[in-house]
Amino acid sequence: MTAPSTAAAASPEGAGTLSRAGDLFQLLRDGRPWTRAELAMTTGLARSTVAGKVDQLLTSGLVASVGEAASSGGRPPSRFAFQAQARSVLAVDVGASHVRVALTDLTGHSLAEERTELPVSEGPEAVLGHVVEAGRRLLAGSSRPGRLLAGVGIGLPGPVHHATGRPVKPPIMPGWDGFDVVGFVQRAFPVPVLVDNDVNIMALGERAAFWPEVDDLLFIKVATGIGSGIISSGQLQRGADGTAGDLGHVRVARGAEVVCRCGNTGCLEALASGAAVARALAAEGLATATGGDVVDLASQGSIPAIQALRQAGRDIGEVLATCVNLLNPSVIVLGGSLAAAGEHVMAGVREVVYRRSPPLATTNLGIVLSRAGDRAGVMGASQLVSQHVLSPAGIEAQLAAMAGTG
């Protein structure tokens, strides 16, 4: 089984689009209780048709009775609603040096999680083996260990071919190129396994939790590398080969002579990533080996560290000004370990973006720090799964499987 593509939930726009129970289910996804009569009135479908589809959904456990509505005469009508706790999701955030595995419900609410320091350079068998064992522990320790597992979502710190879930020449992931991540995980968990670049799923997680009404959002991760997740018109944009948003290797004028690990010169990552800023300060005699060290120094009032972070923000802002002109986002969210020094990096970004972008594109533009913080990855990995399994096609597949085993 290959990884299914993520399908965004479709909102029905009339009876013509409600031919399946999976379509009707989209009205229930916000968790608000409905009666059959209310659904019939909203959709224009016959009550008998609605009743049949609701009965299908009730048998799945994804919808359950939640009491009775007020009666206008006769027997009170039953009310029912989406049950996010009916299924669980394993959400996995694999970073350059850590692995976080969370057990969530279908809304992304965390039930339990584990975080381990484990370099991705240890290789796919070691890292994914840990993911499988951590997932088994979390499922076994759940208050409802018999709860059905809906799927596994995984974010990786490198380019991913989303349709197959295989990493594509990831620069900091030796041994991962072309590895069958989906097949490996499905040997332990025979459910849909969806894999994506880590910053893509961070964008999904941040938006779902804190910006659900925003259709155009950029999530910028500034850590060991620099990348972005692009949500445009409500949809995550991956590009033709999954490399959309790779800002780290856009050329910045100030770095003309700086060699990047990709082999080119002047890349944003070679100037403004956590590792790059730490190297620059170390060359000046400061004890900085990582971006975290830089953030710590800045928090202690180190002027060189503060200035270096401010300059990193300006460099990032130079690239983001072009993105603002091209994509016209409503919100830019800064995340990742270096963004923990928020006010310093943010000041540099805002300084350049607002100076270099036209007023029309920035009048209503918000540039903010991530509110999800280091949990954006698992939040997005959970969303990756729930968007798929709760889509009309996903619901229909579950109902068909239940009918086939009934």
Protein backbone atom coordinates (compact mmCIF):
# COMPACT_ATOMS: atom_id res chain seq x y z
CA MET A 1 0.00 0.00 0.00
CA THR A 2 1.33 3.40 -0.93
CA ALA A 3 0.76 6.57 1.00
CA PRO A 4 -2.52 8.19 0.04
CA SER A 5 -2.54 11.79 -1.01
CA THR A 6 -3.82 14.27 1.53
CA ALA A 7 -7.33 15.40 0.66
CA ALA A 8 -8.66 18.65 2.06
CA ALA A 9 -12.15 18.44 3.46
CA ALA A 10 -14.71 19.58 0.95
CA SER A 11 -17.71 21.57 2.09
CA PRO A 12 -20.96 20.54 0.41
CA GLU A 13 -22.54 23.32 -1.60
CA GLY A 14 -25.89 21.77 -2.31
CA ALA A 15 -27.73 18.51 -2.75
CA GLY A 16 -25.93 17.81 -6.01
CA THR A 17 -22.69 17.29 -4.13
CA LEU A 18 -24.17 15.08 -1.36
CA SER A 19 -24.38 11.75 -3.11
CA ARG A 20 -22.46 9.90 -0.36
CA ALA A 21 -22.44 9.62 3.41
CA GLY A 22 -18.88 10.93 3.28
CA ASP A 23 -20.13 14.17 1.72
CA LEU A 24 -22.83 14.62 4.35
CA PHE A 25 -20.25 14.00 7.08
CA GLN A 26 -18.43 17.23 6.14
CA LEU A 27 -21.28 19.20 7.71
CA LEU A 28 -20.64 17.43 10.99
CA ARG A 29 -16.89 17.95 11.24
CA ASP A 30 -17.09 21.00 13.47
CA GLY A 31 -18.64 18.83 16.20
CA ARG A 32 -21.91 20.78 16.45
CA PRO A 33 -24.94 18.55 17.17
CA TRP A 34 -27.50 18.13 14.39
CA THR A 35 -30.88 16.47 13.98
CA ARG A 36 -31.88 14.58 10.85
CA ALA A 37 -34.49 17.25 10.11
CA GLU A 38 -31.87 20.02 10.32
CA LEU A 39 -29.59 18.16 7.91
CA ALA A 40 -32.47 17.59 5.50
CA MET A 41 -33.41 21.28 5.60
CA THR A 42 -29.78 22.40 5.12
CA THR A 43 -28.98 20.03 2.26
CA GLY A 44 -32.33 19.86 0.50
CA LEU A 45 -32.23 16.07 0.59
CA ALA A 46 -35.23 13.94 1.45
CA ARG A 47 -35.44 12.99 5.13
CA SER A 48 -35.34 9.29 4.22
CA THR A 49 -32.11 9.84 2.26
CA VAL A 50 -30.54 11.74 5.15
CA ALA A 51 -31.67 9.10 7.62
CA GLY A 52 -29.96 6.36 5.62
CA LYS A 53 -26.67 8.24 5.41
CA VAL A 54 -26.77 9.13 9.10
CA ASP A 55 -27.34 5.49 9.99
CA GLN A 56 -24.22 4.57 8.02
CA LEU A 57 -22.19 7.17 9.89
CA LEU A 58 -23.54 6.04 13.25
CA THR A 59 -22.36 2.48 12.60
CA SER A 60 -18.83 3.77 11.98
CA GLY A 61 -18.57 5.28 15.46
CA LEU A 62 -17.41 8.58 13.96
CA VAL A 63 -20.87 9.97 14.68
CA ALA A 64 -22.83 9.24 17.85
CA SER A 65 -26.07 10.23 19.53
CA VAL A 66 -25.67 13.17 21.92
CA GLY A 67 -29.16 13.42 23.37
CA GLU A 68 -32.41 14.87 22.17
CA ALA A 69 -33.49 18.21 20.81
CA ALA A 70 -36.50 20.13 22.12
CA SER A 71 -39.74 18.69 20.85
CA SER A 72 -42.31 20.73 18.97
CA GLY A 73 -44.87 18.01 19.57
CA GLY A 74 -44.47 14.25 19.65
CA ARG A 75 -41.27 12.32 20.29
CA PRO A 76 -38.16 14.55 20.69
CA PRO A 77 -35.77 14.22 17.73
CA SER A 78 -32.34 12.68 18.34
CA ARG A 79 -29.26 14.85 18.06
CA PHE A 80 -25.92 13.49 16.91
CA ALA A 81 -22.41 14.83 16.41
CA PHE A 82 -18.90 13.98 15.25
CA GLN A 83 -16.88 11.97 17.78
CA ALA A 84 -13.23 12.99 17.45
CA GLN A 85 -12.27 10.45 20.10
CA ALA A 86 -13.54 7.52 18.04
CA ARG A 87 -10.17 7.12 16.32
CA SER A 88 -6.60 7.89 17.28
CA VAL A 89 -3.67 9.16 15.22
CA LEU A 90 0.06 8.62 15.65
CA ALA A 91 1.70 11.96 14.84
CA VAL A 92 5.47 11.94 14.34
CA ASP A 93 7.88 14.87 14.11
CA VAL A 94 11.39 13.80 13.07
CA GLY A 95 13.89 16.64 13.43
CA ALA A 96 17.59 16.88 12.75
CA SER A 97 18.38 15.70 16.27
CA HIS A 98 15.09 14.64 17.88
CA VAL A 99 12.01 12.49 17.41
CA ARG A 100 8.63 13.38 18.92
CA VAL A 101 5.78 10.86 18.73
CA ALA A 102 2.28 11.83 19.90
CA LEU A 103 -1.00 9.99 20.19
CA THR A 104 -3.86 12.35 19.29
CA ASP A 105 -7.55 12.27 18.55
CA LEU A 106 -8.97 13.35 15.20
CA THR A 107 -8.95 17.04 16.13
CA GLY A 108 -5.24 16.93 16.94
CA HIS A 109 -5.73 16.99 20.73
CA SER A 110 -2.73 15.24 22.28
CA LEU A 111 -3.50 12.23 24.48
CA ALA A 112 0.10 11.26 25.22
CA GLU A 113 3.53 11.78 23.69
CA GLU A 114 7.23 11.00 23.91
CA ARG A 115 10.24 13.08 22.87
CA THR A 116 13.70 11.56 22.39
CA GLU A 117 17.06 12.97 21.36
CA LEU A 118 17.87 10.86 18.29
CA PRO A 119 19.79 12.23 15.28
CA VAL A 120 18.13 11.64 11.93
CA SER A 121 21.62 10.77 10.64
CA GLU A 122 21.33 7.45 12.53
CA GLY A 123 19.42 6.23 9.49
CA PRO A 124 15.86 5.23 8.64
CA GLU A 125 15.82 1.81 10.31
CA ALA A 126 17.00 3.20 13.65
CA VAL A 127 14.76 6.27 13.61
CA LEU A 128 11.63 4.57 12.28
CA GLY A 129 12.22 1.57 14.52
CA HIS A 130 12.10 3.97 17.45
CA VAL A 131 8.93 5.55 16.03
CA VAL A 132 7.23 2.13 15.83
CA GLU A 133 8.20 1.17 19.39
CA ALA A 134 7.16 4.56 20.78
CA GLY A 135 3.86 4.28 18.93
CA ARG A 136 3.20 0.85 20.40
CA ARG A 137 3.93 2.13 23.91
CA LEU A 138 1.60 5.09 23.50
CA LEU A 139 -1.21 2.95 22.12
CA ALA A 140 -0.79 0.35 24.87
CA GLY A 141 -0.81 3.05 27.55
CA SER A 142 -3.91 4.78 26.21
CA SER A 143 -6.97 4.95 28.43
CA ARG A 144 -8.76 3.26 25.52
CA PRO A 145 -6.20 0.83 24.08
CA GLY A 146 -8.85 -0.70 21.80
CA ARG A 147 -9.49 2.63 20.05
CA LEU A 148 -9.06 2.24 16.29
CA LEU A 149 -5.89 3.76 14.82
CA ALA A 150 -6.89 5.99 11.90
CA GLY A 151 -3.40 6.51 10.50
CA VAL A 152 0.17 7.65 11.03
CA GLY A 153 1.46 11.09 9.98
CA ILE A 154 5.21 11.71 9.73
CA GLY A 155 7.19 14.89 9.14
CA LEU A 156 10.80 14.57 7.94
CA PRO A 157 13.52 17.28 7.81
CA GLY A 158 14.09 17.05 4.07
CA PRO A 159 12.34 16.91 0.68
CA VAL A 160 9.67 14.20 0.39
CA HIS A 161 7.85 12.83 -2.64
CA HIS A 162 4.43 13.07 -1.05
CA ALA A 163 2.63 10.54 -3.27
CA THR A 164 5.03 7.76 -2.22
CA GLY A 165 6.30 9.09 1.09
CA ARG A 166 9.92 8.56 0.05
CA PRO A 167 12.61 11.14 0.91
CA VAL A 168 14.30 12.71 -2.12
CA LYS A 169 18.03 13.44 -1.78
CA PRO A 170 17.67 14.92 1.74
CA PRO A 171 20.89 16.81 2.57
CA ILE A 172 21.09 16.01 6.30
CA MET A 173 19.61 12.50 6.17
CA PRO A 174 22.26 9.97 5.06
CA GLY A 175 20.75 6.65 4.06
CA TRP A 176 17.22 8.02 3.69
CA ASP A 177 17.16 8.81 -0.04
CA GLY A 178 14.37 6.78 -1.63
CA PHE A 179 13.72 4.79 1.56
CA ASP A 180 10.25 3.22 1.76
CA VAL A 181 9.08 4.99 4.91
CA VAL A 182 5.44 4.02 4.32
CA GLY A 183 6.19 0.32 3.83
CA PHE A 184 8.42 0.17 6.91
CA VAL A 185 5.82 1.73 9.21
CA GLN A 186 2.89 -0.19 7.71
CA ARG A 187 4.51 -3.50 8.65
CA ALA A 188 3.77 -2.50 12.24
CA PHE A 189 0.63 -0.41 11.71
CA PRO A 190 -1.48 -1.49 8.68
CA VAL A 191 -3.19 1.89 8.31
CA PRO A 192 -2.73 4.91 6.03
CA VAL A 193 0.75 6.37 6.52
CA LEU A 194 1.29 9.90 5.22
CA VAL A 195 4.73 11.49 5.00
CA ASP A 196 5.69 15.09 4.25
CA ASN A 197 8.42 17.65 4.75
CA ASP A 198 8.51 18.88 8.35
CA VAL A 199 7.88 22.54 7.59
CA ASN A 200 4.82 21.65 5.49
CA ILE A 201 3.23 19.85 8.41
CA MET A 202 4.22 22.67 10.77
CA ALA A 203 2.28 25.03 8.52
CA LEU A 204 -0.74 22.70 8.67
CA GLY A 205 -0.54 22.44 12.45
CA GLU A 206 -0.14 26.16 13.09
CA ARG A 207 -2.97 27.09 10.77
CA ALA A 208 -5.42 24.48 12.07
CA ALA A 209 -4.86 25.42 15.70
CA PHE A 210 -4.46 29.19 15.55
CA TRP A 211 -5.36 30.57 12.11
CA PRO A 212 -8.30 28.47 10.83
CA GLU A 213 -9.88 31.46 9.08
CA VAL A 214 -6.69 32.40 7.20
CA ASP A 215 -6.43 30.99 3.68
CA ASP A 216 -3.03 32.45 2.78
CA LEU A 217 -0.25 31.76 5.27
CA LEU A 218 3.52 31.24 5.19
CA PHE A 219 5.20 29.27 7.95
CA ILE A 220 8.96 29.91 8.11
CA LYS A 221 11.13 27.47 10.03
CA VAL A 222 14.49 28.89 11.07
CA ALA A 223 16.63 26.21 12.69
CA THR A 224 19.44 23.97 11.40
CA GLY A 225 18.07 24.86 7.97
CA ILE A 226 15.54 27.35 6.67
CA GLY A 227 12.35 26.41 4.86
CA SER A 228 8.75 27.44 4.46
CA GLY A 229 5.34 25.83 4.31
CA ILE A 230 3.05 27.62 1.86
CA ILE A 231 -0.72 27.61 2.29
CA SER A 232 -2.42 29.42 -0.56
CA SER A 233 -6.18 29.65 -1.03
CA GLY A 234 -6.53 27.23 1.87
CA GLN A 235 -4.39 24.51 0.30
CA LEU A 236 -0.87 23.36 1.13
CA GLN A 237 1.36 23.94 -1.90
CA ARG A 238 4.05 21.30 -2.46
CA GLY A 239 5.05 22.08 -6.04
CA ALA A 240 5.69 19.66 -8.87
CA ASP A 241 8.40 17.68 -7.04
CA GLY A 242 7.76 18.55 -3.40
CA THR A 243 10.37 21.30 -3.12
CA ALA A 244 8.06 24.33 -2.94
CA GLY A 245 9.09 26.61 -0.10
CA ASP A 246 12.80 25.76 -0.03
CA LEU A 247 13.84 29.29 0.92
CA GLY A 248 17.14 28.21 2.42
CA HIS A 249 18.83 28.04 -0.96
CA VAL A 250 17.62 31.37 -2.33
CA ARG A 251 20.57 33.69 -2.95
CA VAL A 252 21.04 36.69 -0.64
CA ALA A 253 23.14 39.60 -1.84
CA ARG A 254 25.17 39.91 1.37
CA GLY A 255 26.50 36.36 1.10
CA ALA A 256 28.08 36.44 -2.33
CA GLU A 257 31.27 34.73 -1.12
CA VAL A 258 29.74 32.43 1.52
CA VAL A 259 29.72 28.77 0.49
CA CYS A 260 26.62 26.76 1.35
CA ARG A 261 26.53 23.02 2.03
CA CYS A 262 24.57 22.64 -1.22
CA GLY A 263 27.67 23.78 -3.14
CA ASN A 264 26.37 27.17 -4.18
CA THR A 265 27.34 30.52 -2.67
CA GLY A 266 25.21 33.15 -1.01
CA CYS A 267 22.36 30.88 0.13
CA LEU A 268 20.10 32.22 2.89
CA GLU A 269 20.76 29.11 4.98
CA ALA A 270 24.52 29.71 4.88
CA LEU A 271 23.95 33.15 6.43
CA ALA A 272 20.89 33.04 8.65
CA SER A 273 20.32 29.49 9.92
CA GLY A 274 21.04 28.70 13.54
CA ALA A 275 24.21 26.86 12.63
CA ALA A 276 25.44 29.71 10.41
CA VAL A 277 24.88 32.38 13.05
CA ALA A 278 26.59 30.21 15.66
CA ARG A 279 29.63 29.74 13.38
CA ALA A 280 29.88 33.44 12.71
CA LEU A 281 29.84 34.29 16.42
CA ALA A 282 32.29 31.49 17.24
CA ALA A 283 34.71 33.05 14.75
CA GLU A 284 34.50 36.22 16.86
CA GLY A 285 35.45 34.26 19.97
CA LEU A 286 32.02 33.57 21.50
CA ALA A 287 31.18 30.09 22.82
CA THR A 288 28.46 29.24 20.29
CA ALA A 289 28.17 25.79 18.75
CA THR A 290 24.45 25.78 17.96
CA GLY A 291 21.59 28.16 17.31
CA GLY A 292 20.38 27.41 20.83
CA ASP A 293 23.64 28.81 22.19
CA VAL A 294 23.04 32.03 20.24
CA VAL A 295 19.51 32.33 21.63
CA ASP A 296 20.81 31.78 25.16
CA LEU A 297 23.46 34.48 24.76
CA ALA A 298 20.90 36.93 23.38
CA SER A 299 18.60 36.26 26.33
CA GLN A 300 21.53 37.15 28.61
CA GLY A 301 21.94 40.49 26.86
CA SER A 302 24.96 39.70 24.63
CA ILE A 303 25.16 42.57 22.15
CA PRO A 304 27.02 40.55 19.45
CA ALA A 305 24.40 37.79 19.66
CA ILE A 306 21.52 40.26 19.49
CA GLN A 307 23.09 42.01 16.50
CA ALA A 308 23.70 38.69 14.74
CA LEU A 309 20.09 37.64 15.24
CA ARG A 310 18.83 40.99 14.01
CA GLN A 311 20.98 40.60 10.86
CA ALA A 312 19.71 37.05 10.34
CA GLY A 313 16.20 38.50 10.45
CA ARG A 314 17.13 41.09 7.82
CA ASP A 315 18.55 38.36 5.55
CA ILE A 316 15.39 36.30 5.97
CA GLY A 317 13.32 39.42 5.36
CA GLU A 318 15.11 40.02 2.07
CA VAL A 319 13.85 36.67 0.77
CA LEU A 320 10.42 37.02 2.36
CA ALA A 321 9.87 40.41 0.69
CA THR A 322 9.93 38.58 -2.64
CA CYS A 323 7.56 35.94 -1.28
CA VAL A 324 5.14 38.64 -0.12
CA ASN A 325 5.15 40.23 -3.56
CA LEU A 326 4.62 36.85 -5.22
CA LEU A 327 2.13 35.13 -2.88
CA ASN A 328 0.45 37.99 -0.97
CA PRO A 329 -0.04 36.08 2.32
CA SER A 330 -2.19 37.38 5.16
CA VAL A 331 0.11 36.00 7.84
CA ILE A 332 3.79 35.04 8.06
CA VAL A 333 4.55 32.79 11.03
CA LEU A 334 8.13 32.44 12.26
CA GLY A 335 8.99 29.15 13.95
CA GLY A 336 11.94 26.88 14.62
CA SER A 337 14.65 27.02 17.27
CA LEU A 338 16.21 30.33 16.18
CA ALA A 339 12.81 32.01 16.25
CA ALA A 340 12.83 31.43 20.02
CA ALA A 341 14.78 34.72 20.07
CA GLY A 342 11.60 36.20 18.69
CA GLU A 343 11.88 39.92 19.14
CA HIS A 344 15.38 40.11 17.62
CA VAL A 345 14.78 37.98 14.53
CA MET A 346 11.28 39.40 14.12
CA ALA A 347 12.56 42.98 14.18
CA GLY A 348 14.98 42.27 11.34
CA VAL A 349 12.34 40.49 9.25
CA ARG A 350 9.80 43.26 9.68
CA GLU A 351 12.36 45.97 8.95
CA VAL A 352 13.11 44.60 5.50
CA VAL A 353 9.74 43.15 4.50
CA TYR A 354 7.86 46.39 5.21
CA ARG A 355 10.53 48.44 3.46
CA ARG A 356 10.86 46.26 0.36
CA SER A 357 7.25 45.19 -0.24
CA PRO A 358 4.52 47.43 -1.73
CA PRO A 359 2.04 48.97 0.74
CA LEU A 360 -0.91 47.10 -0.75
CA ALA A 361 0.74 43.75 0.07
CA THR A 362 1.68 44.72 3.63
CA THR A 363 -1.23 46.86 4.83
CA ASN A 364 -2.97 43.86 6.39
CA LEU A 365 0.05 41.55 6.66
CA GLY A 366 0.79 40.04 10.06
CA ILE A 367 4.30 38.82 10.89
CA VAL A 368 4.09 36.78 14.08
CA LEU A 369 5.87 34.15 16.13
CA SER A 370 4.64 30.56 16.11
CA ARG A 371 2.12 29.93 18.87
CA ALA A 372 2.48 26.18 18.52
CA GLY A 373 6.20 26.33 19.22
CA ASP A 374 8.02 23.00 19.18
CA ARG A 375 4.71 21.13 18.96
CA ALA A 376 3.81 22.49 15.53
CA GLY A 377 5.24 19.37 13.89
CA VAL A 378 3.12 16.78 15.69
CA MET A 379 0.07 19.01 15.45
CA GLY A 380 0.52 19.16 11.69
CA ALA A 381 1.26 15.44 11.36
CA SER A 382 -2.05 14.75 13.07
CA GLN A 383 -3.80 17.15 10.69
CA LEU A 384 -2.20 15.39 7.73
CA VAL A 385 -3.96 12.18 8.75
CA SER A 386 -7.29 13.64 9.84
CA GLN A 387 -7.65 15.66 6.63
CA HIS A 388 -7.22 12.43 4.70
CA VAL A 389 -9.37 10.03 6.69
CA LEU A 390 -12.19 12.53 7.28
CA SER A 391 -12.41 13.64 3.66
CA PRO A 392 -15.46 12.40 1.70
CA ALA A 393 -13.37 9.70 0.02
CA GLY A 394 -11.75 8.75 3.32
CA ILE A 395 -15.10 8.31 5.06
CA GLU A 396 -16.43 6.26 2.16
CA ALA A 397 -13.36 3.99 2.29
CA GLN A 398 -13.90 3.36 6.00
CA LEU A 399 -17.59 2.62 5.53
CA ALA A 400 -16.81 0.24 2.65
CA ALA A 401 -14.20 -1.58 4.72
CA MET A 402 -16.66 -2.00 7.59
CA ALA A 403 -19.32 -3.29 5.22
CA GLY A 404 -16.83 -5.79 3.79
CA THR A 405 -15.99 -7.18 7.22
CA GLY A 406 -19.50 -7.06 8.60
